[in-house]
Amino acid sequence: ASQLLSRNLLVYGLGGILVPFVGIKLVDLL
């Protein structure tokens, strides 16, 4: 359970923060 939680936070937690920054900026440029 601890390994799954760590992977969840690293991949989907951190990814959930970084991906929108990139996506919103790209849409803003368009």
Full PDB file with SEQRES, HELIX, SHEET, SSBOND, CRYST1, ORIGX, SCALE, CONECT and MASTER records, all heavy atoms in Angstrom:
SEQRES   1 A   30  ALA SER GLN LEU LEU SER ARG ASN LEU LEU VAL TYR GLY          
SEQRES   2 A   30  LEU GLY GLY ILE LEU VAL PRO PHE VAL GLY ILE LYS LEU          
SEQRES   3 A   30  VAL ASP LEU LEU                                              
HELIX    1 AA1 SER A    2  ARG A    7  1                                   6    
HELIX    2 AA2 ASN A    8  GLY A   13  3                                   6    
HELIX    3 AA3 LEU A   14  LEU A   29  1                                  16    
CRYST1    1.000    1.000    1.000  90.00  90.00  90.00 P 1           1          
ORIGX1      1.000000  0.000000  0.000000        0.00000                         
ORIGX2      0.000000  1.000000  0.000000        0.00000                         
ORIGX3      0.000000  0.000000  1.000000        0.00000                         
SCALE1      1.000000  0.000000  0.000000        0.00000                         
SCALE2      0.000000  1.000000  0.000000        0.00000                         
SCALE3      0.000000  0.000000  1.000000        0.00000                         
ATOM      1  N   ALA A   1       0.827  -1.211   0.000  1.00  0.00           N  
ATOM      2  CA  ALA A   1       0.000   0.000   0.000  1.00  0.00           C  
ATOM      3  C   ALA A   1       0.860   1.259   0.000  1.00  0.00           C  
ATOM      4  O   ALA A   1       0.545   2.241  -0.680  1.00  0.00           O  
ATOM      5  CB  ALA A   1      -0.936  -0.011   1.214  1.00  0.00           C  
ATOM      6  N   SER A   2       1.963   1.240   0.757  1.00  0.00           N  
ATOM      7  CA  SER A   2       2.826   2.427   0.813  1.00  0.00           C  
ATOM      8  C   SER A   2       3.504   2.680  -0.529  1.00  0.00           C  
ATOM      9  O   SER A   2       3.649   3.824  -0.960  1.00  0.00           O  
ATOM     10  CB  SER A   2       3.881   2.247   1.910  1.00  0.00           C  
ATOM     11  OG  SER A   2       4.682   1.109   1.654  1.00  0.00           O  
ATOM     12  N   GLN A   3       3.904   1.600  -1.215  1.00  0.00           N  
ATOM     13  CA  GLN A   3       4.519   1.763  -2.537  1.00  0.00           C  
ATOM     14  C   GLN A   3       3.521   2.304  -3.547  1.00  0.00           C  
ATOM     15  O   GLN A   3       3.854   3.159  -4.377  1.00  0.00           O  
ATOM     16  CB  GLN A   3       5.079   0.422  -3.016  1.00  0.00           C  
ATOM     17  CG  GLN A   3       6.301  -0.064  -2.245  1.00  0.00           C  
ATOM     18  CD  GLN A   3       6.718  -1.464  -2.653  1.00  0.00           C  
ATOM     19  OE1 GLN A   3       5.882  -2.332  -2.887  1.00  0.00           O  
ATOM     20  NE2 GLN A   3       8.013  -1.691  -2.727  1.00  0.00           N  
ATOM     21  N   LEU A   4       2.279   1.805  -3.488  1.00  0.00           N  
ATOM     22  CA  LEU A   4       1.245   2.289  -4.399  1.00  0.00           C  
ATOM     23  C   LEU A   4       0.946   3.759  -4.155  1.00  0.00           C  
ATOM     24  O   LEU A   4       0.763   4.534  -5.097  1.00  0.00           O  
ATOM     25  CB  LEU A   4      -0.028   1.455  -4.234  1.00  0.00           C  
ATOM     26  CG  LEU A   4       0.045   0.001  -4.734  1.00  0.00           C  
ATOM     27  CD1 LEU A   4      -1.235  -0.740  -4.374  1.00  0.00           C  
ATOM     28  CD2 LEU A   4       0.265  -0.041  -6.237  1.00  0.00           C  
ATOM     29  N   LEU A   5       0.900   4.156  -2.877  1.00  0.00           N  
ATOM     30  CA  LEU A   5       0.637   5.556  -2.541  1.00  0.00           C  
ATOM     31  C   LEU A   5       1.767   6.447  -3.048  1.00  0.00           C  
ATOM     32  O   LEU A   5       1.508   7.519  -3.621  1.00  0.00           O  
ATOM     33  CB  LEU A   5       0.470   5.709  -1.029  1.00  0.00           C  
ATOM     34  CG  LEU A   5       0.212   7.132  -0.523  1.00  0.00           C  
ATOM     35  CD1 LEU A   5      -1.080   7.695  -1.123  1.00  0.00           C  
ATOM     36  CD2 LEU A   5       0.156   7.161   1.002  1.00  0.00           C  
ATOM     37  N   SER A   6       2.998   6.015  -2.859  1.00  0.00           N  
ATOM     38  CA  SER A   6       4.139   6.810  -3.321  1.00  0.00           C  
ATOM     39  C   SER A   6       4.104   6.984  -4.836  1.00  0.00           C  
ATOM     40  O   SER A   6       4.324   8.082  -5.354  1.00  0.00           O  
ATOM     41  CB  SER A   6       5.446   6.135  -2.900  1.00  0.00           C  
ATOM     42  OG  SER A   6       5.522   6.041  -1.496  1.00  0.00           O  
ATOM     43  N   ARG A   7       3.816   5.886  -5.545  1.00  0.00           N  
ATOM     44  CA  ARG A   7       3.751   5.969  -7.009  1.00  0.00           C  
ATOM     45  C   ARG A   7       2.604   6.868  -7.450  1.00  0.00           C  
ATOM     46  O   ARG A   7       2.728   7.656  -8.394  1.00  0.00           O  
ATOM     47  CB  ARG A   7       3.575   4.572  -7.608  1.00  0.00           C  
ATOM     48  CG  ARG A   7       3.801   4.528  -9.108  1.00  0.00           C  
ATOM     49  CD  ARG A   7       3.503   3.174  -9.685  1.00  0.00           C  
ATOM     50  NE  ARG A   7       2.066   2.996  -9.888  1.00  0.00           N  
ATOM     51  CZ  ARG A   7       1.517   1.954 -10.490  1.00  0.00           C  
ATOM     52  NH1 ARG A   7       2.264   0.971 -10.911  1.00  0.00           N  
ATOM     53  NH2 ARG A   7       0.219   1.872 -10.650  1.00  0.00           N  
ATOM     54  N   ASN A   8       1.479   6.761  -6.734  1.00  0.00           N  
ATOM     55  CA  ASN A   8       0.313   7.569  -7.065  1.00  0.00           C  
ATOM     56  C   ASN A   8       0.635   9.054  -6.957  1.00  0.00           C  
ATOM     57  O   ASN A   8       0.326   9.855  -7.850  1.00  0.00           O  
ATOM     58  CB  ASN A   8      -0.824   7.198  -6.105  1.00  0.00           C  
ATOM     59  CG  ASN A   8      -2.171   7.172  -6.784  1.00  0.00           C  
ATOM     60  OD1 ASN A   8      -2.263   7.005  -7.990  1.00  0.00           O  
ATOM     61  ND2 ASN A   8      -3.210   7.334  -6.006  1.00  0.00           N  
ATOM     62  N   LEU A   9       1.260   9.421  -5.847  1.00  0.00           N  
ATOM     63  CA  LEU A   9       1.576  10.837  -5.619  1.00  0.00           C  
ATOM     64  C   LEU A   9       2.634  11.332  -6.600  1.00  0.00           C  
ATOM     65  O   LEU A   9       2.553  12.466  -7.089  1.00  0.00           O  
ATOM     66  CB  LEU A   9       2.059  11.033  -4.181  1.00  0.00           C  
ATOM     67  CG  LEU A   9       1.005  10.798  -3.086  1.00  0.00           C  
ATOM     68  CD1 LEU A   9       1.639  10.906  -1.702  1.00  0.00           C  
ATOM     69  CD2 LEU A   9      -0.152  11.783  -3.224  1.00  0.00           C  
ATOM     70  N   LEU A  10       3.619  10.483  -6.894  1.00  0.00           N  
ATOM     71  CA  LEU A  10       4.700  10.906  -7.773  1.00  0.00           C  
ATOM     72  C   LEU A  10       4.227  11.056  -9.213  1.00  0.00           C  
ATOM     73  O   LEU A  10       4.486  12.073  -9.868  1.00  0.00           O  
ATOM     74  CB  LEU A  10       5.848   9.890  -7.703  1.00  0.00           C  
ATOM     75  CG  LEU A  10       7.063  10.188  -8.596  1.00  0.00           C  
ATOM     76  CD1 LEU A  10       7.714  11.492  -8.164  1.00  0.00           C  
ATOM     77  CD2 LEU A  10       8.062   9.041  -8.547  1.00  0.00           C  
ATOM     78  N   VAL A  11       3.497  10.032  -9.716  1.00  0.00           N  
ATOM     79  CA  VAL A  11       3.101  10.030 -11.126  1.00  0.00           C  
ATOM     80  C   VAL A  11       1.871  10.901 -11.356  1.00  0.00           C  
ATOM     81  O   VAL A  11       1.870  11.792 -12.218  1.00  0.00           O  
ATOM     82  CB  VAL A  11       2.844   8.592 -11.612  1.00  0.00           C  
ATOM     83  CG1 VAL A  11       2.349   8.601 -13.056  1.00  0.00           C  
ATOM     84  CG2 VAL A  11       4.111   7.754 -11.488  1.00  0.00           C  
ATOM     85  N   TYR A  12       0.814  10.652 -10.599  1.00  0.00           N  
ATOM     86  CA  TYR A  12      -0.458  11.338 -10.875  1.00  0.00           C  
ATOM     87  C   TYR A  12      -0.624  12.619 -10.057  1.00  0.00           C  
ATOM     88  O   TYR A  12      -1.351  13.519 -10.490  1.00  0.00           O  
ATOM     89  CB  TYR A  12      -1.621  10.380 -10.624  1.00  0.00           C  
ATOM     90  CG  TYR A  12      -1.572   9.210 -11.561  1.00  0.00           C  
ATOM     91  CD1 TYR A  12      -1.016   7.993 -11.170  1.00  0.00           C  
ATOM     92  CD2 TYR A  12      -2.038   9.323 -12.861  1.00  0.00           C  
ATOM     93  CE1 TYR A  12      -0.937   6.923 -12.037  1.00  0.00           C  
ATOM     94  CE2 TYR A  12      -1.962   8.261 -13.745  1.00  0.00           C  
ATOM     95  CZ  TYR A  12      -1.409   7.059 -13.327  1.00  0.00           C  
ATOM     96  OH  TYR A  12      -1.331   6.007 -14.193  1.00  0.00           O  
ATOM     97  N   GLY A  13       0.033  12.696  -8.896  1.00  0.00           N  
ATOM     98  CA  GLY A  13      -0.011  13.945  -8.136  1.00  0.00           C  
ATOM     99  C   GLY A  13       0.856  15.009  -8.783  1.00  0.00           C  
ATOM    100  O   GLY A  13       0.385  16.092  -9.148  1.00  0.00           O  
ATOM    101  N   LEU A  14       2.141  14.672  -8.972  1.00  0.00           N  
ATOM    102  CA  LEU A  14       3.056  15.624  -9.605  1.00  0.00           C  
ATOM    103  C   LEU A  14       2.662  15.860 -11.060  1.00  0.00           C  
ATOM    104  O   LEU A  14       2.674  17.002 -11.547  1.00  0.00           O  
ATOM    105  CB  LEU A  14       4.489  15.087  -9.523  1.00  0.00           C  
ATOM    106  CG  LEU A  14       5.592  16.010 -10.050  1.00  0.00           C  
ATOM    107  CD1 LEU A  14       5.601  17.321  -9.276  1.00  0.00           C  
ATOM    108  CD2 LEU A  14       6.952  15.320  -9.939  1.00  0.00           C  
ATOM    109  N   GLY A  15       2.276  14.777 -11.756  1.00  0.00           N  
ATOM    110  CA  GLY A  15       1.838  14.935 -13.149  1.00  0.00           C  
ATOM    111  C   GLY A  15       0.593  15.787 -13.257  1.00  0.00           C  
ATOM    112  O   GLY A  15       0.425  16.566 -14.211  1.00  0.00           O  
ATOM    113  N   GLY A  16      -0.312  15.654 -12.274  1.00  0.00           N  
ATOM    114  CA  GLY A  16      -1.539  16.449 -12.288  1.00  0.00           C  
ATOM    115  C   GLY A  16      -1.290  17.929 -12.109  1.00  0.00           C  
ATOM    116  O   GLY A  16      -2.124  18.763 -12.484  1.00  0.00           O  
ATOM    117  N   ILE A  17      -0.142  18.270 -11.532  1.00  0.00           N  
ATOM    118  CA  ILE A  17       0.218  19.686 -11.388  1.00  0.00           C  
ATOM    119  C   ILE A  17       0.947  20.195 -12.627  1.00  0.00           C  
ATOM    120  O   ILE A  17       0.652  21.277 -13.145  1.00  0.00           O  
ATOM    121  CB  ILE A  17       1.097  19.883 -10.129  1.00  0.00           C  
ATOM    122  CG1 ILE A  17       0.277  19.603  -8.870  1.00  0.00           C  
ATOM    123  CG2 ILE A  17       1.671  21.298 -10.084  1.00  0.00           C  
ATOM    124  CD1 ILE A  17       1.075  19.670  -7.582  1.00  0.00           C  
ATOM    125  N   LEU A  18       1.890  19.412 -13.133  1.00  0.00           N  
ATOM    126  CA  LEU A  18       2.730  19.879 -14.235  1.00  0.00           C  
ATOM    127  C   LEU A  18       2.000  19.906 -15.575  1.00  0.00           C  
ATOM    128  O   LEU A  18       2.154  20.857 -16.353  1.00  0.00           O  
ATOM    129  CB  LEU A  18       3.975  18.984 -14.352  1.00  0.00           C  
ATOM    130  CG  LEU A  18       4.918  18.996 -13.136  1.00  0.00           C  
ATOM    131  CD1 LEU A  18       6.099  18.061 -13.379  1.00  0.00           C  
ATOM    132  CD2 LEU A  18       5.404  20.417 -12.845  1.00  0.00           C  
ATOM    133  N   VAL A  19       1.196  18.867 -15.860  1.00  0.00           N  
ATOM    134  CA  VAL A  19       0.531  18.792 -17.168  1.00  0.00           C  
ATOM    135  C   VAL A  19      -0.376  19.994 -17.425  1.00  0.00           C  
ATOM    136  O   VAL A  19      -0.331  20.588 -18.523  1.00  0.00           O  
ATOM    137  CB  VAL A  19      -0.247  17.464 -17.296  1.00  0.00           C  
ATOM    138  CG1 VAL A  19      -1.139  17.466 -18.536  1.00  0.00           C  
ATOM    139  CG2 VAL A  19       0.721  16.291 -17.357  1.00  0.00           C  
ATOM    140  N   PRO A  20      -1.214  20.425 -16.469  1.00  0.00           N  
ATOM    141  CA  PRO A  20      -2.056  21.601 -16.738  1.00  0.00           C  
ATOM    142  C   PRO A  20      -1.254  22.882 -16.989  1.00  0.00           C  
ATOM    143  O   PRO A  20      -1.668  23.721 -17.793  1.00  0.00           O  
ATOM    144  CB  PRO A  20      -2.900  21.722 -15.470  1.00  0.00           C  
ATOM    145  CG  PRO A  20      -2.925  20.345 -14.908  1.00  0.00           C  
ATOM    146  CD  PRO A  20      -1.577  19.788 -15.196  1.00  0.00           C  
ATOM    147  N   PHE A  21      -0.129  23.039 -16.297  1.00  0.00           N  
ATOM    148  CA  PHE A  21       0.689  24.226 -16.554  1.00  0.00           C  
ATOM    149  C   PHE A  21       1.110  24.276 -18.020  1.00  0.00           C  
ATOM    150  O   PHE A  21       1.015  25.320 -18.678  1.00  0.00           O  
ATOM    151  CB  PHE A  21       1.931  24.216 -15.652  1.00  0.00           C  
ATOM    152  CG  PHE A  21       1.712  24.835 -14.303  1.00  0.00           C  
ATOM    153  CD1 PHE A  21       1.345  24.053 -13.226  1.00  0.00           C  
ATOM    154  CD2 PHE A  21       1.847  26.200 -14.126  1.00  0.00           C  
ATOM    155  CE1 PHE A  21       1.138  24.626 -11.980  1.00  0.00           C  
ATOM    156  CE2 PHE A  21       1.631  26.786 -12.886  1.00  0.00           C  
ATOM    157  CZ  PHE A  21       1.275  25.990 -11.800  1.00  0.00           C  
ATOM    158  N   VAL A  22       1.538  23.128 -18.528  1.00  0.00           N  
ATOM    159  CA  VAL A  22       1.960  23.071 -19.923  1.00  0.00           C  
ATOM    160  C   VAL A  22       0.755  23.228 -20.845  1.00  0.00           C  
ATOM    161  O   VAL A  22       0.786  23.999 -21.830  1.00  0.00           O  
ATOM    162  CB  VAL A  22       2.681  21.734 -20.211  1.00  0.00           C  
ATOM    163  CG1 VAL A  22       3.022  21.620 -21.695  1.00  0.00           C  
ATOM    164  CG2 VAL A  22       3.939  21.614 -19.360  1.00  0.00           C  
ATOM    165  N   GLY A  23      -0.315  22.513 -20.540  1.00  0.00           N  
ATOM    166  CA  GLY A  23      -1.495  22.532 -21.409  1.00  0.00           C  
ATOM    167  C   GLY A  23      -2.152  23.893 -21.484  1.00  0.00           C  
ATOM    168  O   GLY A  23      -2.505  24.371 -22.577  1.00  0.00           O  
ATOM    169  N   ILE A  24      -2.333  24.535 -20.337  1.00  0.00           N  
ATOM    170  CA  ILE A  24      -2.982  25.847 -20.319  1.00  0.00           C  
ATOM    171  C   ILE A  24      -2.129  26.879 -21.055  1.00  0.00           C  
ATOM    172  O   ILE A  24      -2.655  27.726 -21.796  1.00  0.00           O  
ATOM    173  CB  ILE A  24      -3.257  26.277 -18.861  1.00  0.00           C  
ATOM    174  CG1 ILE A  24      -4.357  25.393 -18.257  1.00  0.00           C  
ATOM    175  CG2 ILE A  24      -3.672  27.753 -18.797  1.00  0.00           C  
ATOM    176  CD1 ILE A  24      -4.595  25.629 -16.776  1.00  0.00           C  
ATOM    177  N   LYS A  25      -0.818  26.801 -20.883  1.00  0.00           N  
ATOM    178  CA  LYS A  25       0.053  27.755 -21.568  1.00  0.00           C  
ATOM    179  C   LYS A  25      -0.016  27.558 -23.081  1.00  0.00           C  
ATOM    180  O   LYS A  25      -0.057  28.545 -23.844  1.00  0.00           O  
ATOM    181  CB  LYS A  25       1.497  27.581 -21.080  1.00  0.00           C  
ATOM    182  CG  LYS A  25       2.481  28.560 -21.727  1.00  0.00           C  
ATOM    183  CD  LYS A  25       2.081  30.016 -21.434  1.00  0.00           C  
ATOM    184  CE  LYS A  25       3.063  30.993 -22.065  1.00  0.00           C  
ATOM    185  NZ  LYS A  25       2.683  32.394 -21.823  1.00  0.00           N  
ATOM    186  N   LEU A  26      -0.060  26.307 -23.539  1.00  0.00           N  
ATOM    187  CA  LEU A  26      -0.158  26.048 -24.980  1.00  0.00           C  
ATOM    188  C   LEU A  26      -1.464  26.590 -25.546  1.00  0.00           C  
ATOM    189  O   LEU A  26      -1.485  27.197 -26.627  1.00  0.00           O  
ATOM    190  CB  LEU A  26      -0.048  24.546 -25.256  1.00  0.00           C  
ATOM    191  CG  LEU A  26       1.348  23.921 -25.073  1.00  0.00           C  
ATOM    192  CD1 LEU A  26       1.283  22.412 -25.266  1.00  0.00           C  
ATOM    193  CD2 LEU A  26       2.341  24.546 -26.046  1.00  0.00           C  
ATOM    194  N   VAL A  27      -2.569  26.377 -24.819  1.00  0.00           N  
ATOM    195  CA  VAL A  27      -3.855  26.901 -25.285  1.00  0.00           C  
ATOM    196  C   VAL A  27      -3.815  28.427 -25.316  1.00  0.00           C  
ATOM    197  O   VAL A  27      -4.319  29.064 -26.253  1.00  0.00           O  
ATOM    198  CB  VAL A  27      -5.003  26.405 -24.383  1.00  0.00           C  
ATOM    199  CG1 VAL A  27      -6.332  27.056 -24.803  1.00  0.00           C  
ATOM    200  CG2 VAL A  27      -5.121  24.885 -24.440  1.00  0.00           C  
ATOM    201  N   ASP A  28      -3.192  29.035 -24.291  1.00  0.00           N  
ATOM    202  CA  ASP A  28      -3.072  30.499 -24.233  1.00  0.00           C  
ATOM    203  C   ASP A  28      -2.311  31.024 -25.461  1.00  0.00           C  
ATOM    204  O   ASP A  28      -2.708  32.038 -26.063  1.00  0.00           O  
ATOM    205  CB  ASP A  28      -2.349  30.896 -22.950  1.00  0.00           C  
ATOM    206  CG  ASP A  28      -2.048  32.382 -22.891  1.00  0.00           C  
ATOM    207  OD1 ASP A  28      -3.002  33.171 -22.765  1.00  0.00           O  
ATOM    208  OD2 ASP A  28      -0.855  32.733 -22.997  1.00  0.00           O  
ATOM    209  N   LEU A  29      -1.259  30.337 -25.862  1.00  0.00           N  
ATOM    210  CA  LEU A  29      -0.489  30.768 -27.031  1.00  0.00           C  
ATOM    211  C   LEU A  29      -1.323  30.682 -28.304  1.00  0.00           C  
ATOM    212  O   LEU A  29      -1.248  31.556 -29.180  1.00  0.00           O  
ATOM    213  CB  LEU A  29       0.772  29.911 -27.167  1.00  0.00           C  
ATOM    214  CG  LEU A  29       1.829  30.085 -26.064  1.00  0.00           C  
ATOM    215  CD1 LEU A  29       2.960  29.084 -26.247  1.00  0.00           C  
ATOM    216  CD2 LEU A  29       2.372  31.516 -26.059  1.00  0.00           C  
ATOM    217  N   LEU A  30      -2.141  29.638 -28.408  1.00  0.00           N  
ATOM    218  CA  LEU A  30      -2.990  29.484 -29.592  1.00  0.00           C  
ATOM    219  C   LEU A  30      -4.097  30.534 -29.622  1.00  0.00           C  
ATOM    220  O   LEU A  30      -4.466  31.031 -30.697  1.00  0.00           O  
ATOM    221  CB  LEU A  30      -3.608  28.076 -29.617  1.00  0.00           C  
ATOM    222  CG  LEU A  30      -2.618  26.919 -29.846  1.00  0.00           C  
ATOM    223  CD1 LEU A  30      -3.334  25.587 -29.707  1.00  0.00           C  
ATOM    224  CD2 LEU A  30      -1.976  27.032 -31.224  1.00  0.00           C  
TER     225      LEU A  30                                                      
MASTER        0    0    0    3    0    0    0    6  224    1    0    3          
END                                                                             
